[in-house]
Amino acid sequence: MENPILSDARKWLAANPSESVATASRIFKVPKSTLQSSITRLNRIGVGRGGQNKLLTATQTKALKEWITTQYKQGLGATKQMTFAVKYSKPAPTLPTIIPASFQESEAQLQHWKVTLPVLLSSPSRQRYNNWVIGTETVLAHGQLQEFNLSILQRQVDQHKNRGRNSRLRLQIGGALTVDEARALQTEKAERVAEKEAAKEARIARQASNQARKQLKRAGVEARKQERLRKKRVKAYKKDGNPIPPEDQDPIPDPEAESESGIGSGSGSEGQFEWDGYENYE
């Protein structure tokens, strides 16, 4: 915060412009240099800082150049700031030249320069340029047509190769066929296809049967295991004189044995003999 005595001294000097700073410093008992610095700071005009390297747009640069030209014609000339702004204005970016890589790009470039260049040429040069443009357009059109025809031929060749390699309707390679031979070959081919389908269905059925047989075998093994454990528990109950629980009274059926008996591989007595064999074995 500024000393109020300095403020009073400055006010007194403003009210008495004929008096000197030394007189005011003696009256208000402040150093002369301090009072002089305070007055200098207040009277100093603020100078803008920064912004010296600001890049102008193309429109701003054009307007500034026109204004400088007008000032110059009026005899005023340009200031240092004006010269600095023009010198460090942002130049317009130069786009890289595009090298045509196809007939379409070449045609587009030709149409662009066909309109742009003739206005800059003299009459004889303009005529030679127009003749060159017409000839170049003709050459480009022929080249594009040849490329198109070549692509069509290449596509036809590829389709012919693929059709010969992948076609399933082909009867034989080379030679001529009569109607009877063609029908016989078609019948033979249909029979082969039917045999393949039948073999495929038989293979699928065989795989399903094997899978079911394996599942049935696993279920039979588990059932026989549980039946042996049940018989052991029943035997222990009888030995201890305890009643048999309801869940252990009925035997656990063997799904594998039932399946074999259903097919006709054996009678019910054989199935009973099998269970008795397990009981006797234990």
Protein backbone atom coordinates (compact mmCIF):
# COMPACT_ATOMS: atom_id res chain seq x y z
CA MET A 1 0.00 0.00 0.00
CA GLU A 2 1.34 3.46 -0.94
CA ASN A 3 2.38 5.94 1.76
CA PRO A 4 -0.39 8.60 2.16
CA ILE A 5 2.29 11.31 2.58
CA LEU A 6 3.45 10.68 -1.03
CA SER A 7 -0.12 11.02 -2.23
CA ASP A 8 -0.51 14.32 -0.35
CA ALA A 9 2.77 15.60 -1.78
CA ARG A 10 1.69 14.82 -5.33
CA LYS A 11 -1.65 16.53 -4.78
CA TRP A 12 0.12 19.63 -3.43
CA LEU A 13 2.41 19.73 -6.47
CA ALA A 14 -0.60 19.37 -8.78
CA ALA A 15 -2.28 22.30 -7.01
CA ASN A 16 0.95 24.37 -7.13
CA PRO A 17 2.56 23.65 -10.51
CA SER A 18 5.09 26.49 -10.04
CA GLU A 19 6.69 24.75 -7.07
CA SER A 20 9.48 22.20 -7.47
CA VAL A 21 9.75 18.63 -6.26
CA ALA A 22 12.50 19.62 -3.84
CA THR A 23 10.18 22.13 -2.16
CA ALA A 24 7.46 19.53 -1.79
CA SER A 25 9.92 17.00 -0.36
CA ARG A 26 11.06 19.49 2.30
CA ILE A 27 7.49 20.44 3.22
CA PHE A 28 6.18 16.85 3.50
CA LYS A 29 9.52 15.48 4.78
CA VAL A 30 9.88 12.72 2.17
CA PRO A 31 12.97 11.91 0.10
CA LYS A 32 13.13 13.83 -3.14
CA SER A 33 14.01 10.70 -5.18
CA THR A 34 11.06 8.77 -3.76
CA LEU A 35 8.62 11.55 -4.62
CA GLN A 36 10.09 11.94 -8.08
CA SER A 37 9.81 8.17 -8.76
CA SER A 38 6.18 8.19 -7.60
CA ILE A 39 5.34 11.04 -9.97
CA THR A 40 7.19 9.35 -12.85
CA ARG A 41 5.31 6.07 -12.37
CA LEU A 42 1.94 7.82 -12.49
CA ASN A 43 2.82 9.87 -15.56
CA ARG A 44 4.27 6.93 -17.47
CA ILE A 45 2.03 5.85 -20.37
CA GLY A 46 1.41 2.15 -20.37
CA VAL A 47 3.10 0.33 -23.26
CA GLY A 48 1.46 -2.81 -24.48
CA ARG A 49 3.56 -5.89 -24.01
CA GLY A 50 3.53 -9.04 -26.09
CA GLY A 51 1.73 -9.61 -29.36
CA GLN A 52 4.80 -8.74 -31.43
CA ASN A 53 4.93 -12.13 -33.11
CA LYS A 54 1.22 -12.46 -33.85
CA LEU A 55 0.64 -14.28 -37.14
CA LEU A 56 -1.88 -12.58 -39.38
CA THR A 57 -4.28 -14.30 -41.70
CA ALA A 58 -4.17 -13.77 -45.44
CA THR A 59 -7.16 -11.40 -45.30
CA GLN A 60 -5.62 -9.35 -42.49
CA THR A 61 -2.30 -9.12 -44.29
CA LYS A 62 -3.97 -7.99 -47.51
CA ALA A 63 -5.97 -5.30 -45.69
CA LEU A 64 -2.87 -4.11 -43.85
CA LYS A 65 -0.86 -3.88 -47.07
CA GLU A 66 -3.62 -1.86 -48.72
CA TRP A 67 -3.74 0.49 -45.75
CA ILE A 68 0.05 0.92 -45.77
CA THR A 69 -0.05 1.65 -49.50
CA THR A 70 -2.73 4.28 -48.95
CA GLN A 71 -0.71 5.87 -46.15
CA TYR A 72 2.41 5.86 -48.33
CA LYS A 73 0.60 7.57 -51.22
CA GLN A 74 -0.61 10.22 -48.80
CA GLY A 75 2.99 10.84 -47.74
CA LEU A 76 2.60 9.45 -44.23
CA GLY A 77 4.75 6.35 -44.59
CA ALA A 78 4.72 3.23 -42.42
CA THR A 79 5.54 2.96 -38.74
CA LYS A 80 7.87 0.43 -37.15
CA GLN A 81 4.94 -1.64 -35.90
CA MET A 82 3.37 -1.73 -39.37
CA THR A 83 6.61 -2.87 -40.97
CA PHE A 84 7.08 -5.54 -38.31
CA ALA A 85 3.53 -6.88 -38.85
CA VAL A 86 4.00 -7.13 -42.61
CA LYS A 87 7.42 -8.75 -42.29
CA TYR A 88 6.22 -11.49 -39.93
CA SER A 89 2.82 -12.14 -41.45
CA LYS A 90 1.92 -15.78 -41.93
CA PRO A 91 2.53 -16.85 -45.53
CA ALA A 92 -0.13 -18.82 -47.36
CA PRO A 93 0.61 -22.57 -47.25
CA THR A 94 1.85 -24.10 -50.47
CA LEU A 95 0.17 -27.42 -51.16
CA PRO A 96 2.36 -30.25 -52.49
CA THR A 97 2.02 -31.04 -56.16
CA ILE A 98 -0.12 -34.13 -56.71
CA ILE A 99 1.42 -36.65 -59.12
CA PRO A 100 -1.38 -38.41 -61.04
CA ALA A 101 -1.42 -42.16 -60.47
CA SER A 102 -4.40 -43.14 -62.61
CA PHE A 103 -6.30 -42.11 -65.72
CA GLN A 104 -8.97 -40.44 -63.58
CA GLU A 105 -6.44 -38.28 -61.70
CA SER A 106 -4.68 -37.34 -64.94
CA GLU A 107 -8.00 -36.33 -66.50
CA ALA A 108 -8.89 -34.22 -63.45
CA GLN A 109 -5.52 -32.41 -63.50
CA LEU A 110 -5.82 -31.81 -67.23
CA GLN A 111 -9.30 -30.30 -66.89
CA HIS A 112 -8.04 -28.02 -64.11
CA TRP A 113 -5.12 -26.61 -66.08
CA LYS A 114 -7.17 -26.53 -69.26
CA VAL A 115 -9.21 -23.70 -67.74
CA THR A 116 -6.43 -21.99 -65.74
CA LEU A 117 -3.47 -21.71 -68.12
CA PRO A 118 -4.91 -20.42 -71.44
CA VAL A 119 -5.73 -16.99 -69.96
CA LEU A 120 -2.04 -16.54 -69.08
CA LEU A 121 -0.70 -17.43 -72.53
CA SER A 122 -0.37 -15.41 -75.69
CA SER A 123 -2.50 -16.20 -78.72
CA PRO A 124 -0.01 -18.52 -80.55
CA SER A 125 0.99 -20.30 -77.36
CA ARG A 126 -2.66 -20.66 -76.37
CA GLN A 127 -3.46 -22.39 -79.66
CA ARG A 128 -0.54 -24.82 -79.31
CA TYR A 129 -1.60 -25.50 -75.71
CA ASN A 130 -5.19 -26.21 -76.77
CA ASN A 131 -3.97 -28.63 -79.44
CA TRP A 132 -1.81 -30.39 -76.85
CA VAL A 133 -4.78 -30.65 -74.48
CA ILE A 134 -6.99 -32.20 -77.18
CA GLY A 135 -4.31 -34.74 -78.13
CA THR A 136 -3.65 -35.63 -74.49
CA GLU A 137 -7.36 -36.11 -73.82
CA THR A 138 -7.59 -38.48 -76.79
CA VAL A 139 -4.59 -40.52 -75.62
CA LEU A 140 -5.99 -40.73 -72.09
CA ALA A 141 -9.38 -41.86 -73.38
CA HIS A 142 -7.80 -44.63 -75.51
CA GLY A 143 -5.61 -45.74 -72.61
CA GLN A 144 -8.55 -45.84 -70.22
CA LEU A 145 -10.58 -47.85 -72.74
CA GLN A 146 -7.75 -50.36 -73.20
CA GLU A 147 -7.38 -50.74 -69.45
CA PHE A 148 -11.12 -51.35 -69.13
CA ASN A 149 -11.10 -53.98 -71.91
CA LEU A 150 -8.09 -55.68 -70.34
CA SER A 151 -9.83 -55.87 -66.96
CA ILE A 152 -12.91 -57.43 -68.63
CA LEU A 153 -10.80 -60.06 -70.41
CA GLN A 154 -8.90 -60.86 -67.22
CA ARG A 155 -12.17 -61.28 -65.33
CA GLN A 156 -13.52 -63.60 -68.02
CA VAL A 157 -10.35 -65.72 -67.92
CA ASP A 158 -10.53 -65.98 -64.12
CA GLN A 159 -14.20 -66.97 -64.24
CA HIS A 160 -13.47 -69.63 -66.86
CA LYS A 161 -10.68 -71.09 -64.71
CA ASN A 162 -12.84 -71.11 -61.60
CA ARG A 163 -15.79 -72.62 -63.45
CA GLY A 164 -13.64 -75.45 -64.79
CA ARG A 165 -12.10 -76.09 -61.38
CA ASN A 166 -15.18 -75.84 -59.16
CA SER A 167 -18.07 -76.96 -61.38
CA ARG A 168 -19.88 -80.10 -60.13
CA LEU A 169 -22.02 -80.46 -63.27
CA ARG A 170 -19.09 -81.46 -65.49
CA LEU A 171 -19.53 -85.01 -66.85
CA GLN A 172 -16.10 -85.65 -68.32
CA ILE A 173 -12.94 -83.92 -69.46
CA GLY A 174 -12.47 -83.72 -73.22
CA GLY A 175 -14.27 -85.51 -76.03
CA ALA A 176 -17.90 -85.52 -77.12
CA LEU A 177 -20.78 -87.32 -75.41
CA THR A 178 -23.95 -88.83 -76.78
CA VAL A 179 -27.27 -88.32 -75.05
CA ASP A 180 -27.36 -91.88 -73.70
CA GLU A 181 -23.80 -91.64 -72.37
CA ALA A 182 -24.55 -88.30 -70.73
CA ARG A 183 -27.68 -89.69 -69.05
CA ALA A 184 -25.79 -92.79 -67.92
CA LEU A 185 -23.08 -90.61 -66.40
CA GLN A 186 -25.68 -88.45 -64.70
CA THR A 187 -27.40 -91.55 -63.29
CA GLU A 188 -24.08 -92.94 -62.07
CA LYS A 189 -23.21 -89.63 -60.48
CA ALA A 190 -26.61 -89.47 -58.78
CA GLU A 191 -26.08 -93.00 -57.42
CA ARG A 192 -22.67 -92.03 -56.05
CA VAL A 193 -24.18 -88.99 -54.38
CA ALA A 194 -26.95 -91.17 -52.88
CA GLU A 195 -24.38 -93.68 -51.63
CA LYS A 196 -22.38 -90.88 -50.03
CA GLU A 197 -25.49 -89.55 -48.32
CA ALA A 198 -26.44 -93.04 -47.10
CA ALA A 199 -22.92 -93.64 -45.82
CA LYS A 200 -23.00 -90.28 -44.07
CA GLU A 201 -26.32 -91.07 -42.41
CA ALA A 202 -25.06 -94.52 -41.39
CA ARG A 203 -21.93 -92.96 -39.92
CA ILE A 204 -23.97 -90.45 -37.94
CA ALA A 205 -26.29 -93.24 -36.69
CA ARG A 206 -23.31 -95.40 -35.74
CA GLN A 207 -21.70 -92.55 -33.82
CA ALA A 208 -24.96 -91.86 -32.00
CA SER A 209 -25.36 -95.56 -31.17
CA ASN A 210 -21.81 -95.81 -29.84
CA GLN A 211 -22.31 -92.72 -27.72
CA ALA A 212 -25.58 -94.10 -26.31
CA ARG A 213 -23.93 -97.47 -25.62
CA LYS A 214 -21.11 -95.75 -23.72
CA GLN A 215 -23.56 -93.74 -21.66
CA LEU A 216 -25.58 -96.89 -20.91
CA LYS A 217 -22.43 -98.72 -19.84
CA ARG A 218 -21.44 -95.90 -17.48
CA ALA A 219 -24.95 -95.89 -16.01
CA GLY A 220 -24.82 -99.69 -15.58
CA VAL A 221 -21.48 -99.53 -13.79
CA GLU A 222 -22.79 -96.86 -11.42
CA ALA A 223 -26.04 -98.81 -10.82
CA ARG A 224 -24.20 -102.04 -9.98
CA LYS A 225 -21.91 -100.14 -7.64
CA GLN A 226 -24.85 -98.62 -5.78
CA GLU A 227 -26.60 -102.02 -5.68
CA ARG A 228 -23.55 -103.63 -4.06
CA LEU A 229 -23.46 -100.87 -1.45
CA ARG A 230 -27.20 -101.34 -0.79
CA LYS A 231 -26.74 -105.08 -0.26
CA LYS A 232 -23.92 -104.42 2.18
CA ARG A 233 -26.14 -102.04 4.15
CA VAL A 234 -29.02 -104.57 4.14
CA LYS A 235 -26.67 -107.29 5.34
CA ALA A 236 -25.43 -105.05 8.15
CA TYR A 237 -29.01 -104.17 9.18
CA LYS A 238 -29.94 -107.86 9.36
CA LYS A 239 -26.80 -108.70 11.30
CA ASP A 240 -27.53 -106.01 13.89
CA GLY A 241 -31.23 -106.91 14.01
CA ASN A 242 -32.30 -103.47 12.85
CA PRO A 243 -35.18 -102.85 10.44
CA ILE A 244 -34.30 -102.14 6.82
CA PRO A 245 -35.04 -98.51 5.81
CA PRO A 246 -37.58 -98.02 3.00
CA GLU A 247 -34.97 -96.58 0.63
CA ASP A 248 -32.88 -99.77 0.90
CA GLN A 249 -35.70 -102.30 0.54
CA ASP A 250 -36.04 -102.22 -3.26
CA PRO A 251 -33.10 -103.33 -5.42
CA ILE A 252 -31.50 -100.79 -7.76
CA PRO A 253 -32.15 -101.82 -11.39
CA ASP A 254 -29.27 -102.21 -13.83
CA PRO A 255 -30.08 -100.24 -17.03
CA GLU A 256 -27.42 -102.08 -19.03
CA ALA A 257 -28.83 -105.49 -18.08
CA GLU A 258 -32.37 -104.35 -18.81
CA SER A 259 -31.31 -103.09 -22.23
CA GLU A 260 -29.67 -106.42 -23.09
CA SER A 261 -32.72 -108.37 -21.88
CA GLY A 262 -34.99 -106.11 -23.96
CA ILE A 263 -32.97 -106.86 -27.10
CA GLY A 264 -33.42 -110.57 -26.48
CA SER A 265 -29.92 -111.55 -25.60
CA GLY A 266 -31.13 -113.33 -22.47
CA SER A 267 -34.16 -114.15 -20.30
CA GLY A 268 -35.21 -112.70 -16.99
CA SER A 269 -33.78 -115.71 -15.14
CA GLU A 270 -30.34 -114.95 -16.59
CA GLY A 271 -30.61 -111.43 -15.28
CA GLN A 272 -31.55 -112.80 -11.86
CA PHE A 273 -28.62 -115.19 -12.06
CA GLU A 274 -26.30 -112.28 -12.74
CA TRP A 275 -27.47 -110.45 -9.62
CA ASP A 276 -27.25 -113.62 -7.56
CA GLY A 277 -23.73 -114.06 -8.82
CA TYR A 278 -22.81 -110.64 -7.54
CA GLU A 279 -24.42 -111.46 -4.20
CA ASN A 280 -22.62 -114.76 -3.91
CA TYR A 281 -19.39 -113.10 -4.92
CA GLU A 282 -19.70 -110.66 -2.09
